[in-house]
Amino acid sequence: MEAAGGADISLGVKLGVQYSLWGGSIINLGTKKHRDRFFDGIDNLDYPGCFAMTELHHG
């Protein structure tokens, strides 16, 4: 991911979202059912991910 970001920062951001934010949330916070359903698709990009977060009192 670091090498990809060095070549093209937007690619590094996309990989970070896919594997760290979206994929990491499923792997670390999901149940076994979620991991079984999504793990392979996260790894091979069958399930491209996104991530959204809100902060209290900031809209």
PDB file of N, CA and C in Angstrom:
ATOM      1  N   MET A   1       0.832  -1.173   0.000  1.00  0.00           N
ATOM      2  CA  MET A   1       0.000   0.000   0.000  1.00  0.00           C
ATOM      3  C   MET A   1       0.886   1.249   0.000  1.00  0.00           C
ATOM      4  N   GLU A   2       1.962   1.232   0.755  1.00  0.00           N
ATOM      5  CA  GLU A   2       2.855   2.382   0.805  1.00  0.00           C
ATOM      6  C   GLU A   2       3.504   2.638  -0.556  1.00  0.00           C
ATOM      7  N   ALA A   3       3.915   1.568  -1.231  1.00  0.00           N
ATOM      8  CA  ALA A   3       4.527   1.720  -2.554  1.00  0.00           C
ATOM      9  C   ALA A   3       3.527   2.284  -3.557  1.00  0.00           C
ATOM     10  N   ALA A   4       2.291   1.813  -3.499  1.00  0.00           N
ATOM     11  CA  ALA A   4       1.259   2.327  -4.404  1.00  0.00           C
ATOM     12  C   ALA A   4       0.996   3.801  -4.125  1.00  0.00           C
ATOM     13  N   GLY A   5       0.972   4.171  -2.854  1.00  0.00           N
ATOM     14  CA  GLY A   5       0.767   5.565  -2.491  1.00  0.00           C
ATOM     15  C   GLY A   5       1.909   6.453  -2.938  1.00  0.00           C
ATOM     16  N   GLY A   6       3.122   5.893  -2.959  1.00  0.00           N
ATOM     17  CA  GLY A   6       4.261   6.659  -3.447  1.00  0.00           C
ATOM     18  C   GLY A   6       4.178   6.922  -4.934  1.00  0.00           C
ATOM     19  N   ALA A   7       3.609   6.002  -5.675  1.00  0.00           N
ATOM     20  CA  ALA A   7       3.459   6.169  -7.118  1.00  0.00           C
ATOM     21  C   ALA A   7       2.275   7.068  -7.453  1.00  0.00           C
ATOM     22  N   ASP A   8       1.185   6.916  -6.716  1.00  0.00           N
ATOM     23  CA  ASP A   8      -0.032   7.688  -6.974  1.00  0.00           C
ATOM     24  C   ASP A   8      -0.802   7.780  -5.663  1.00  0.00           C
ATOM     25  N   ILE A   9      -0.843   8.955  -5.068  1.00  0.00           N
ATOM     26  CA  ILE A   9      -1.445   9.110  -3.742  1.00  0.00           C
ATOM     27  C   ILE A   9      -2.923   8.728  -3.737  1.00  0.00           C
ATOM     28  N   SER A  10      -3.645   8.986  -4.822  1.00  0.00           N
ATOM     29  CA  SER A  10      -5.067   8.629  -4.839  1.00  0.00           C
ATOM     30  C   SER A  10      -5.251   7.113  -4.799  1.00  0.00           C
ATOM     31  N   LEU A  11      -4.360   6.372  -5.432  1.00  0.00           N
ATOM     32  CA  LEU A  11      -4.414   4.913  -5.360  1.00  0.00           C
ATOM     33  C   LEU A  11      -4.122   4.442  -3.941  1.00  0.00           C
ATOM     34  N   GLY A  12      -3.164   5.083  -3.278  1.00  0.00           N
ATOM     35  CA  GLY A  12      -2.870   4.746  -1.883  1.00  0.00           C
ATOM     36  C   GLY A  12      -4.066   4.978  -0.976  1.00  0.00           C
ATOM     37  N   VAL A  13      -4.796   6.069  -1.200  1.00  0.00           N
ATOM     38  CA  VAL A  13      -5.995   6.360  -0.405  1.00  0.00           C
ATOM     39  C   VAL A  13      -7.066   5.306  -0.667  1.00  0.00           C
ATOM     40  N   LYS A  14      -7.275   4.956  -1.919  1.00  0.00           N
ATOM     41  CA  LYS A  14      -8.286   3.945  -2.260  1.00  0.00           C
ATOM     42  C   LYS A  14      -7.952   2.595  -1.635  1.00  0.00           C
ATOM     43  N   LEU A  15      -6.686   2.211  -1.686  1.00  0.00           N
ATOM     44  CA  LEU A  15      -6.285   0.950  -1.061  1.00  0.00           C
ATOM     45  C   LEU A  15      -6.432   1.017   0.453  1.00  0.00           C
ATOM     46  N   GLY A  16      -6.120   2.169   1.032  1.00  0.00           N
ATOM     47  CA  GLY A  16      -6.285   2.332   2.474  1.00  0.00           C
ATOM     48  C   GLY A  16      -7.730   2.182   2.907  1.00  0.00           C
ATOM     49  N   VAL A  17      -8.639   2.774   2.141  1.00  0.00           N
ATOM     50  CA  VAL A  17     -10.066   2.633   2.450  1.00  0.00           C
ATOM     51  C   VAL A  17     -10.492   1.178   2.293  1.00  0.00           C
ATOM     52  N   GLN A  18     -10.092   0.551   1.194  1.00  0.00           N
ATOM     53  CA  GLN A  18     -10.509  -0.828   0.924  1.00  0.00           C
ATOM     54  C   GLN A  18     -10.025  -1.792   2.001  1.00  0.00           C
ATOM     55  N   TYR A  19      -8.744  -1.752   2.293  1.00  0.00           N
ATOM     56  CA  TYR A  19      -8.165  -2.787   3.152  1.00  0.00           C
ATOM     57  C   TYR A  19      -8.101  -2.404   4.623  1.00  0.00           C
ATOM     58  N   SER A  20      -7.973  -1.125   4.941  1.00  0.00           N
ATOM     59  CA  SER A  20      -7.855  -0.740   6.345  1.00  0.00           C
ATOM     60  C   SER A  20      -9.190  -0.319   6.942  1.00  0.00           C
ATOM     61  N   LEU A  21      -9.867   0.619   6.300  1.00  0.00           N
ATOM     62  CA  LEU A  21     -11.114   1.125   6.879  1.00  0.00           C
ATOM     63  C   LEU A  21     -12.270   0.156   6.672  1.00  0.00           C
ATOM     64  N   TRP A  22     -12.586  -0.148   5.438  1.00  0.00           N
ATOM     65  CA  TRP A  22     -13.725  -1.040   5.150  1.00  0.00           C
ATOM     66  C   TRP A  22     -13.380  -2.471   5.515  1.00  0.00           C
ATOM     67  N   GLY A  23     -12.303  -2.984   4.971  1.00  0.00           N
ATOM     68  CA  GLY A  23     -11.921  -4.370   5.255  1.00  0.00           C
ATOM     69  C   GLY A  23     -11.572  -4.593   6.714  1.00  0.00           C
ATOM     70  N   GLY A  24     -10.841  -3.655   7.293  1.00  0.00           N
ATOM     71  CA  GLY A  24     -10.472  -3.774   8.702  1.00  0.00           C
ATOM     72  C   GLY A  24     -11.673  -3.747   9.626  1.00  0.00           C
ATOM     73  N   SER A  25     -12.672  -2.948   9.282  1.00  0.00           N
ATOM     74  CA  SER A  25     -13.889  -2.906  10.103  1.00  0.00           C
ATOM     75  C   SER A  25     -14.619  -4.239  10.076  1.00  0.00           C
ATOM     76  N   ILE A  26     -14.724  -4.841   8.905  1.00  0.00           N
ATOM     77  CA  ILE A  26     -15.394  -6.140   8.803  1.00  0.00           C
ATOM     78  C   ILE A  26     -14.604  -7.208   9.550  1.00  0.00           C
ATOM     79  N   ILE A  27     -13.308  -7.241   9.348  1.00  0.00           N
ATOM     80  CA  ILE A  27     -12.483  -8.282   9.958  1.00  0.00           C
ATOM     81  C   ILE A  27     -12.397  -8.120  11.471  1.00  0.00           C
ATOM     82  N   ASN A  28     -12.222  -6.892  11.952  1.00  0.00           N
ATOM     83  CA  ASN A  28     -12.028  -6.680  13.388  1.00  0.00           C
ATOM     84  C   ASN A  28     -13.318  -6.503  14.177  1.00  0.00           C
ATOM     85  N   LEU A  29     -14.349  -5.975  13.548  1.00  0.00           N
ATOM     86  CA  LEU A  29     -15.581  -5.677  14.279  1.00  0.00           C
ATOM     87  C   LEU A  29     -16.768  -6.535  13.859  1.00  0.00           C
ATOM     88  N   GLY A  30     -16.661  -7.201  12.715  1.00  0.00           N
ATOM     89  CA  GLY A  30     -17.762  -8.025  12.229  1.00  0.00           C
ATOM     90  C   GLY A  30     -17.851  -9.356  12.959  1.00  0.00           C
ATOM     91  N   THR A  31     -18.989  -9.970  12.831  1.00  0.00           N
ATOM     92  CA  THR A  31     -19.184 -11.298  13.410  1.00  0.00           C
ATOM     93  C   THR A  31     -18.585 -12.344  12.471  1.00  0.00           C
ATOM     94  N   LYS A  32     -18.569 -13.574  12.901  1.00  0.00           N
ATOM     95  CA  LYS A  32     -18.079 -14.662  12.045  1.00  0.00           C
ATOM     96  C   LYS A  32     -18.884 -14.707  10.752  1.00  0.00           C
ATOM     97  N   LYS A  33     -20.177 -14.466  10.858  1.00  0.00           N
ATOM     98  CA  LYS A  33     -21.044 -14.448   9.672  1.00  0.00           C
ATOM     99  C   LYS A  33     -20.575 -13.386   8.670  1.00  0.00           C
ATOM    100  N   HIS A  34     -20.238 -12.198   9.160  1.00  0.00           N
ATOM    101  CA  HIS A  34     -19.757 -11.132   8.278  1.00  0.00           C
ATOM    102  C   HIS A  34     -18.414 -11.494   7.651  1.00  0.00           C
ATOM    103  N   ARG A  35     -17.512 -12.003   8.468  1.00  0.00           N
ATOM    104  CA  ARG A  35     -16.191 -12.370   7.945  1.00  0.00           C
ATOM    105  C   ARG A  35     -16.310 -13.468   6.899  1.00  0.00           C
ATOM    106  N   ASP A  36     -17.127 -14.472   7.169  1.00  0.00           N
ATOM    107  CA  ASP A  36     -17.309 -15.561   6.202  1.00  0.00           C
ATOM    108  C   ASP A  36     -17.898 -15.046   4.887  1.00  0.00           C
ATOM    109  N   ARG A  37     -18.809 -14.099   4.986  1.00  0.00           N
ATOM    110  CA  ARG A  37     -19.481 -13.594   3.787  1.00  0.00           C
ATOM    111  C   ARG A  37     -18.594 -12.659   2.963  1.00  0.00           C
ATOM    112  N   PHE A  38     -17.837 -11.792   3.617  1.00  0.00           N
ATOM    113  CA  PHE A  38     -17.158 -10.713   2.910  1.00  0.00           C
ATOM    114  C   PHE A  38     -15.653 -10.875   2.739  1.00  0.00           C
ATOM    115  N   PHE A  39     -14.996 -11.741   3.503  1.00  0.00           N
ATOM    116  CA  PHE A  39     -13.532 -11.768   3.525  1.00  0.00           C
ATOM    117  C   PHE A  39     -12.910 -11.950   2.139  1.00  0.00           C
ATOM    118  N   ASP A  40     -13.307 -12.970   1.412  1.00  0.00           N
ATOM    119  CA  ASP A  40     -12.712 -13.208   0.092  1.00  0.00           C
ATOM    120  C   ASP A  40     -13.008 -12.066  -0.875  1.00  0.00           C
ATOM    121  N   GLY A  41     -14.201 -11.519  -0.800  1.00  0.00           N
ATOM    122  CA  GLY A  41     -14.575 -10.425  -1.689  1.00  0.00           C
ATOM    123  C   GLY A  41     -13.840  -9.132  -1.402  1.00  0.00           C
ATOM    124  N   ILE A  42     -13.471  -8.913  -0.136  1.00  0.00           N
ATOM    125  CA  ILE A  42     -12.665  -7.748   0.213  1.00  0.00           C
ATOM    126  C   ILE A  42     -11.277  -7.905  -0.386  1.00  0.00           C
ATOM    127  N   ASP A  43     -10.714  -9.082  -0.240  1.00  0.00           N
ATOM    128  CA  ASP A  43      -9.344  -9.334  -0.687  1.00  0.00           C
ATOM    129  C   ASP A  43      -9.200  -9.259  -2.203  1.00  0.00           C
ATOM    130  N   ASN A  44     -10.163  -9.778  -2.948  1.00  0.00           N
ATOM    131  CA  ASN A  44     -10.024  -9.780  -4.412  1.00  0.00           C
ATOM    132  C   ASN A  44     -10.837  -8.668  -5.091  1.00  0.00           C
ATOM    133  N   LEU A  45     -11.361  -7.738  -4.309  1.00  0.00           N
ATOM    134  CA  LEU A  45     -12.088  -6.557  -4.791  1.00  0.00           C
ATOM    135  C   LEU A  45     -13.437  -6.859  -5.419  1.00  0.00           C
ATOM    136  N   ASP A  46     -14.010  -8.043  -5.161  1.00  0.00           N
ATOM    137  CA  ASP A  46     -15.389  -8.289  -5.576  1.00  0.00           C
ATOM    138  C   ASP A  46     -16.345  -7.390  -4.801  1.00  0.00           C
ATOM    139  N   TYR A  47     -15.970  -7.008  -3.582  1.00  0.00           N
ATOM    140  CA  TYR A  47     -16.751  -6.093  -2.749  1.00  0.00           C
ATOM    141  C   TYR A  47     -15.935  -4.833  -2.514  1.00  0.00           C
ATOM    142  N   PRO A  48     -15.963  -3.899  -3.461  1.00  0.00           N
ATOM    143  CA  PRO A  48     -15.241  -2.652  -3.213  1.00  0.00           C
ATOM    144  C   PRO A  48     -15.918  -1.914  -2.069  1.00  0.00           C
ATOM    145  N   GLY A  49     -15.128  -1.359  -1.209  1.00  0.00           N
ATOM    146  CA  GLY A  49     -15.693  -0.768  -0.009  1.00  0.00           C
ATOM    147  C   GLY A  49     -15.646   0.740   0.018  1.00  0.00           C
ATOM    148  N   CYS A  50     -16.392   1.269   0.952  1.00  0.00           N
ATOM    149  CA  CYS A  50     -16.349   2.686   1.254  1.00  0.00           C
ATOM    150  C   CYS A  50     -16.455   2.810   2.767  1.00  0.00           C
ATOM    151  N   PHE A  51     -16.231   3.976   3.262  1.00  0.00           N
ATOM    152  CA  PHE A  51     -16.260   4.176   4.700  1.00  0.00           C
ATOM    153  C   PHE A  51     -16.777   5.577   4.956  1.00  0.00           C
ATOM    154  N   ALA A  52     -17.729   5.703   5.864  1.00  0.00           N
ATOM    155  CA  ALA A  52     -18.259   7.007   6.250  1.00  0.00           C
ATOM    156  C   ALA A  52     -18.301   7.082   7.767  1.00  0.00           C
ATOM    157  N   MET A  53     -18.008   8.240   8.285  1.00  0.00           N
ATOM    158  CA  MET A  53     -18.015   8.408   9.734  1.00  0.00           C
ATOM    159  C   MET A  53     -18.539   9.807  10.048  1.00  0.00           C
ATOM    160  N   THR A  54     -19.318   9.891  11.085  1.00  0.00           N
ATOM    161  CA  THR A  54     -19.786  11.192  11.535  1.00  0.00           C
ATOM    162  C   THR A  54     -19.208  11.463  12.911  1.00  0.00           C
ATOM    163  N   GLU A  55     -19.175  12.720  13.258  1.00  0.00           N
ATOM    164  CA  GLU A  55     -18.706  13.119  14.572  1.00  0.00           C
ATOM    165  C   GLU A  55     -19.843  13.855  15.269  1.00  0.00           C
ATOM    166  N   LEU A  56     -20.025  13.569  16.530  1.00  0.00           N
ATOM    167  CA  LEU A  56     -21.062  14.246  17.293  1.00  0.00           C
ATOM    168  C   LEU A  56     -20.847  15.756  17.260  1.00  0.00           C
ATOM    169  N   HIS A  57     -21.928  16.483  17.090  1.00  0.00           N
ATOM    170  CA  HIS A  57     -21.942  17.946  17.111  1.00  0.00           C
ATOM    171  C   HIS A  57     -21.204  18.581  15.934  1.00  0.00           C
ATOM    172  N   HIS A  58     -20.915  17.813  14.887  1.00  0.00           N
ATOM    173  CA  HIS A  58     -20.238  18.377  13.719  1.00  0.00           C
ATOM    174  C   HIS A  58     -20.988  18.059  12.428  1.00  0.00           C
ATOM    175  N   GLY A  59     -22.250  17.745  12.508  1.00  0.00           N
ATOM    176  CA  GLY A  59     -23.044  17.499  11.303  1.00  0.00           C
ATOM    177  C   GLY A  59     -22.974  16.102  10.918  1.00  0.00           C
TER     178      GLY A  59
END
